[in-house]
C-alpha atoms as a PDB file:
ATOM      1  CA  MET A   1       3.876 -15.064  -6.085  1.00  0.00           C
ATOM      2  CA  THR A   2       1.851 -17.473  -3.967  1.00  0.00           C
ATOM      3  CA  LEU A   3       2.538 -17.257  -0.305  1.00  0.00           C
ATOM      4  CA  GLY A   4       1.811 -20.270   1.935  1.00  0.00           C
ATOM      5  CA  TRP A   5      -0.178 -17.502   4.133  1.00  0.00           C
ATOM      6  CA  LYS A   6      -2.763 -15.943   1.565  1.00  0.00           C
ATOM      7  CA  THR A   7      -5.358 -15.452   4.414  1.00  0.00           C
ATOM      8  CA  PHE A   8      -4.595 -16.059   7.878  1.00  0.00           C
ATOM      9  CA  THR A   9      -6.732 -15.243  11.171  1.00  0.00           C
ATOM     10  CA  ALA A  10      -5.208 -12.504  13.529  1.00  0.00           C
ATOM     11  CA  SER A  11      -8.589 -11.306  15.280  1.00  0.00           C
ATOM     12  CA  SER A  12      -6.737 -13.007  18.358  1.00  0.00           C
ATOM     13  CA  MET A  13      -3.885 -11.019  18.484  1.00  0.00           C
ATOM     14  CA  LYS A  14      -3.840  -7.497  20.181  1.00  0.00           C
ATOM     15  CA  LYS A  15      -0.115  -5.966  20.060  1.00  0.00           C
ATOM     16  CA  ILE A  16       1.994  -5.571  17.619  1.00  0.00           C
ATOM     17  CA  SER A  17       4.509  -7.699  19.582  1.00  0.00           C
ATOM     18  CA  ASP A  18       1.972 -10.391  18.733  1.00  0.00           C
ATOM     19  CA  TYR A  19       2.271  -9.665  15.137  1.00  0.00           C
ATOM     20  CA  LYS A  20       6.299  -9.568  15.159  1.00  0.00           C
ATOM     21  CA  ASN A  21       6.270 -13.236  16.688  1.00  0.00           C
ATOM     22  CA  LEU A  22       4.436 -14.377  13.449  1.00  0.00           C
ATOM     23  CA  PHE A  23       7.094 -13.038  10.917  1.00  0.00           C
ATOM     24  CA  GLU A  24      10.410 -11.817  11.714  1.00  0.00           C
ATOM     25  CA  CYS A  25      10.319  -7.869  10.519  1.00  0.00           C
ATOM     26  CA  GLU A  26      11.355  -4.578  11.698  1.00  0.00           C
ATOM     27  CA  ARG A  27       9.485  -1.110  11.793  1.00  0.00           C
ATOM     28  CA  MET A  28      10.255   0.297   8.373  1.00  0.00           C
ATOM     29  CA  ALA A  29       7.429   3.633   8.969  1.00  0.00           C
ATOM     30  CA  ARG A  30       4.389   4.857  10.849  1.00  0.00           C
ATOM     31  CA  GLY A  31       1.399   6.551   9.373  1.00  0.00           C
ATOM     32  CA  SER A  32      -1.522   8.198  10.988  1.00  0.00           C
ATOM     33  CA  SER A  33      -3.124   4.763  11.179  1.00  0.00           C
ATOM     34  CA  ARG A  34      -0.773   2.236  10.062  1.00  0.00           C
ATOM     35  CA  THR A  35       2.750   0.796  11.016  1.00  0.00           C
ATOM     36  CA  VAL A  36       4.798  -0.475   7.973  1.00  0.00           C
ATOM     37  CA  PHE A  37       7.406  -3.206   8.969  1.00  0.00           C
ATOM     38  CA  SER A  38      10.325  -4.936   6.552  1.00  0.00           C
ATOM     39  CA  LEU A  39       9.823  -8.470   6.489  1.00  0.00           C
ATOM     40  CA  VAL A  40      13.141 -10.130   6.985  1.00  0.00           C
ATOM     41  CA  HIS A  41      12.536 -13.366   5.465  1.00  0.00           C
ATOM     42  CA  HIS A  42      10.499 -11.865   2.086  1.00  0.00           C
ATOM     43  CA  PRO A  43      12.702  -8.865   1.301  1.00  0.00           C
ATOM     44  CA  ASP A  44      10.265  -7.622  -1.388  1.00  0.00           C
ATOM     45  CA  LEU A  45       7.015  -7.400   0.786  1.00  0.00           C
ATOM     46  CA  VAL A  46       6.202  -5.420   3.561  1.00  0.00           C
ATOM     47  CA  MET A  47       3.135  -5.670   6.246  1.00  0.00           C
ATOM     48  CA  LYS A  48       0.942  -2.957   7.244  1.00  0.00           C
ATOM     49  CA  VAL A  49      -0.528  -3.081  10.621  1.00  0.00           C
ATOM     50  CA  CYS A  50      -3.787  -1.192  11.122  1.00  0.00           C
ATOM     51  CA  GLU A  51      -4.787   0.498  14.412  1.00  0.00           C
ATOM     52  CA  ALA A  52      -8.142  -0.906  15.911  1.00  0.00           C
ATOM     53  CA  GLY A  53     -11.173   0.519  13.899  1.00  0.00           C
ATOM     54  CA  ASP A  54      -9.027   1.915  10.654  1.00  0.00           C
ATOM     55  CA  TRP A  55      -9.948   0.046   7.349  1.00  0.00           C
ATOM     56  CA  SER A  56      -7.050   1.442   5.140  1.00  0.00           C
ATOM     57  CA  ASN A  57      -5.643  -2.110   4.300  1.00  0.00           C
ATOM     58  CA  VAL A  58      -9.160  -3.454   3.550  1.00  0.00           C
ATOM     59  CA  ARG A  59     -10.158  -0.515   1.349  1.00  0.00           C
ATOM     60  CA  GLU A  60      -6.291  -0.877  -0.239  1.00  0.00           C
ATOM     61  CA  TRP A  61      -6.966  -4.711  -0.447  1.00  0.00           C
ATOM     62  CA  GLU A  62     -10.533  -4.308  -2.423  1.00  0.00           C
ATOM     63  CA  ILE A  63      -9.300  -1.473  -4.434  1.00  0.00           C
ATOM     64  CA  TRP A  64      -5.778  -4.133  -5.612  1.00  0.00           C
ATOM     65  CA  ASP A  65      -8.157  -7.200  -5.521  1.00  0.00           C
ATOM     66  CA  ARG A  66     -10.834  -5.130  -8.353  1.00  0.00           C
ATOM     67  CA  MET A  67      -8.811  -3.609 -10.697  1.00  0.00           C
ATOM     68  CA  ARG A  68      -5.344  -6.016 -10.589  1.00  0.00           C
ATOM     69  CA  TRP A  69      -6.336  -6.939 -14.039  1.00  0.00           C
ATOM     70  CA  CYS A  70      -7.049  -3.209 -15.515  1.00  0.00           C
ATOM     71  CA  ALA A  71      -3.981  -2.627 -16.441  1.00  0.00           C
ATOM     72  CA  PHE A  72      -4.117   1.587 -16.980  1.00  0.00           C
ATOM     73  CA  VAL A  73      -4.746   1.425 -13.300  1.00  0.00           C
ATOM     74  CA  ALA A  74      -2.947  -1.727 -11.546  1.00  0.00           C
ATOM     75  CA  ASP A  75       0.079   0.015 -13.498  1.00  0.00           C
ATOM     76  CA  TRP A  76      -0.046   2.856 -10.706  1.00  0.00           C
ATOM     77  CA  LEU A  77      -0.273   0.641  -7.863  1.00  0.00           C
ATOM     78  CA  ALA A  78       1.633  -1.720  -5.356  1.00  0.00           C
ATOM     79  CA  PRO A  79       0.102  -5.303  -5.572  1.00  0.00           C
ATOM     80  CA  CYS A  80      -1.456  -6.340  -2.318  1.00  0.00           C
ATOM     81  CA  GLU A  81      -0.072 -10.095  -1.980  1.00  0.00           C
ATOM     82  CA  ALA A  82      -2.260 -10.988   1.411  1.00  0.00           C
ATOM     83  CA  ILE A  83      -4.718  -9.590   4.066  1.00  0.00           C
ATOM     84  CA  SER A  84      -5.816 -11.388   7.655  1.00  0.00           C
ATOM     85  CA  ASP A  85      -9.403 -12.145   7.824  1.00  0.00           C
ATOM     86  CA  ASP A  86      -9.815  -9.030   9.940  1.00  0.00           C
ATOM     87  CA  GLY A  87      -8.090  -6.526   7.928  1.00  0.00           C
ATOM     88  CA  THR A  88      -5.212  -5.515  10.424  1.00  0.00           C
ATOM     89  CA  ILE A  89      -2.653  -6.986   8.453  1.00  0.00           C
ATOM     90  CA  LEU A  90      -1.954  -6.502   4.991  1.00  0.00           C
ATOM     91  CA  ILE A  91       1.046  -7.905   2.622  1.00  0.00           C
ATOM     92  CA  GLN A  92       1.823  -5.612  -0.091  1.00  0.00           C
ATOM     93  CA  ALA A  93       4.946  -5.506  -2.512  1.00  0.00           C
ATOM     94  CA  ARG A  94       7.886  -3.253  -0.955  1.00  0.00           C
ATOM     95  CA  THR A  95       8.583  -0.127  -3.170  1.00  0.00           C
ATOM     96  CA  ARG A  96      11.968   1.658  -3.120  1.00  0.00           C
ATOM     97  CA  PRO A  97      12.178   5.710  -1.940  1.00  0.00           C
ATOM     98  CA  ILE A  98      12.052   7.772  -5.258  1.00  0.00           C
ATOM     99  CA  MET A  99      15.340   9.453  -4.629  1.00  0.00           C
ATOM    100  CA  ASN A 100      14.858  12.667  -6.785  1.00  0.00           C
ATOM    101  CA  ALA A 101      11.474  14.953  -6.200  1.00  0.00           C
ATOM    102  CA  ASP A 102      11.878  15.516  -9.985  1.00  0.00           C
ATOM    103  CA  SER A 103      11.322  11.918 -10.661  1.00  0.00           C
ATOM    104  CA  TYR A 104       7.666  12.024  -9.325  1.00  0.00           C
ATOM    105  CA  PRO A 105       5.394  11.776 -12.107  1.00  0.00           C
ATOM    106  CA  LEU A 106       4.051  15.370 -13.458  1.00  0.00           C
ATOM    107  CA  ARG A 107       0.372  13.592 -14.178  1.00  0.00           C
ATOM    108  CA  VAL A 108      -1.130  11.068 -12.358  1.00  0.00           C
ATOM    109  CA  PRO A 109      -4.646   9.676 -12.318  1.00  0.00           C
ATOM    110  CA  SER A 110      -7.622  11.734 -11.885  1.00  0.00           C
ATOM    111  CA  TRP A 111      -8.575   9.689  -9.040  1.00  0.00           C
ATOM    112  CA  ALA A 112      -5.037   9.720  -7.003  1.00  0.00           C
ATOM    113  CA  THR A 113      -5.572  12.060  -3.773  1.00  0.00           C
ATOM    114  CA  ASP A 114      -3.217  12.407  -1.181  1.00  0.00           C
ATOM    115  CA  LEU A 115      -0.070  13.078  -3.380  1.00  0.00           C
ATOM    116  CA  LYS A 116       2.507  13.345  -0.887  1.00  0.00           C
ATOM    117  CA  TYR A 117       6.148  12.388  -1.497  1.00  0.00           C
ATOM    118  CA  SER A 118       6.025   9.045   1.268  1.00  0.00           C
ATOM    119  CA  ASN A 119       2.770   8.250  -0.398  1.00  0.00           C
ATOM    120  CA  MET A 120       4.725   7.079  -3.456  1.00  0.00           C
ATOM    121  CA  GLY A 121       8.040   4.421  -4.454  1.00  0.00           C
ATOM    122  CA  MET A 122       9.544   2.501  -7.274  1.00  0.00           C
ATOM    123  CA  LEU A 123       8.458  -0.634  -8.228  1.00  0.00           C
ATOM    124  CA  LYS A 124      10.063  -2.479 -10.968  1.00  0.00           C
ATOM    125  CA  GLY A 125      11.751   0.935 -12.076  1.00  0.00           C
ATOM    126  CA  LYS A 126       8.578   2.503 -12.445  1.00  0.00           C
ATOM    127  CA  PRO A 127       6.477   4.891  -9.797  1.00  0.00           C
ATOM    128  CA  VAL A 128       3.647   3.476  -7.857  1.00  0.00           C
ATOM    129  CA  PHE A 129       1.319   4.364  -5.187  1.00  0.00           C
ATOM    130  CA  HIS A 130       1.931   2.398  -1.999  1.00  0.00           C
ATOM    131  CA  ASP A 131      -0.871   3.697  -0.183  1.00  0.00           C
ATOM    132  CA  TYR A 132      -3.847   4.387  -2.171  1.00  0.00           C
ATOM    133  CA  ALA A 133      -6.440   4.125   0.904  1.00  0.00           C
ATOM    134  CA  SER A 134      -7.524   7.506   0.508  1.00  0.00           C
ATOM    135  CA  ASN A 135      -8.847   7.953  -3.324  1.00  0.00           C
ATOM    136  CA  LEU A 136     -11.352   9.077  -5.775  1.00  0.00           C
ATOM    137  CA  MET A 137     -12.276   5.856  -7.782  1.00  0.00           C
ATOM    138  CA  LEU A 138     -15.695   5.833  -6.231  1.00  0.00           C
ATOM    139  CA  GLU A 139     -16.384   9.541  -7.126  1.00  0.00           C
ATOM    140  CA  VAL A 140     -15.028   9.639 -10.749  1.00  0.00           C
ATOM    141  CA  GLY A 141     -14.272   5.516 -11.717  1.00  0.00           C
ATOM    142  CA  ALA A 142     -11.329   3.708 -12.557  1.00  0.00           C
ATOM    143  CA  THR A 143     -10.400   6.164 -15.191  1.00  0.00           C
ATOM    144  CA  ARG A 144      -7.625   6.618 -17.688  1.00  0.00           C
ATOM    145  CA  ARG A 145      -7.732  10.481 -17.200  1.00  0.00           C
ATOM    146  CA  MET A 146      -4.754  12.509 -16.280  1.00  0.00           C
ATOM    147  CA  LYS A 147      -4.528  15.706 -14.067  1.00  0.00           C
ATOM    148  CA  LYS A 148      -1.221  17.439 -13.206  1.00  0.00           C
ATOM    149  CA  ALA A 149       0.278  15.943  -9.934  1.00  0.00           C
ATOM    150  CA  LYS A 150       0.691  18.754  -7.148  1.00  0.00           C
ATOM    151  CA  TRP A 151       3.066  17.230  -4.697  1.00  0.00           C
ATOM    152  CA  GLU A 152       3.114  17.688  -1.034  1.00  0.00           C
ATOM    153  CA  ASN A 153       6.221  17.667   0.742  1.00  0.00           C
ATOM    154  CA  ARG A 154       4.969  16.352   3.977  1.00  0.00           C
ATOM    155  CA  ALA A 155       5.302  12.620   5.589  1.00  0.00           C
END
């Protein structure tokens, strides 16, 4: 999907309310360092807004940008569509909630960490990580190796 705002500058904007003027959106979730918004005019996308000093959006963008051509990694990730020049805003494919705990994978890639139910969702009928800023790719590489998933039931 090509969007007219593949990269844009948000450095002059300081408050989330400023970002809401840029895109018509509604708050969906709040994590430890980011707020996630649904985009009214792009229901298949979300906007993640980082707090100052956090680099989670940049990490996810870098992982997606490098690994999107590597199917055995990319198949586990919600695609990123755009990032602001300063990394505070990330546009990502919107996943849908996994409705049943039994639907979570029993095995995940060895690089996957932070295995919380809230970090994964369904996209095109498959479970994918939509929060993958914390991972072990630098330590174990983009490997096909799998491990038993130990899911944590926390937000």
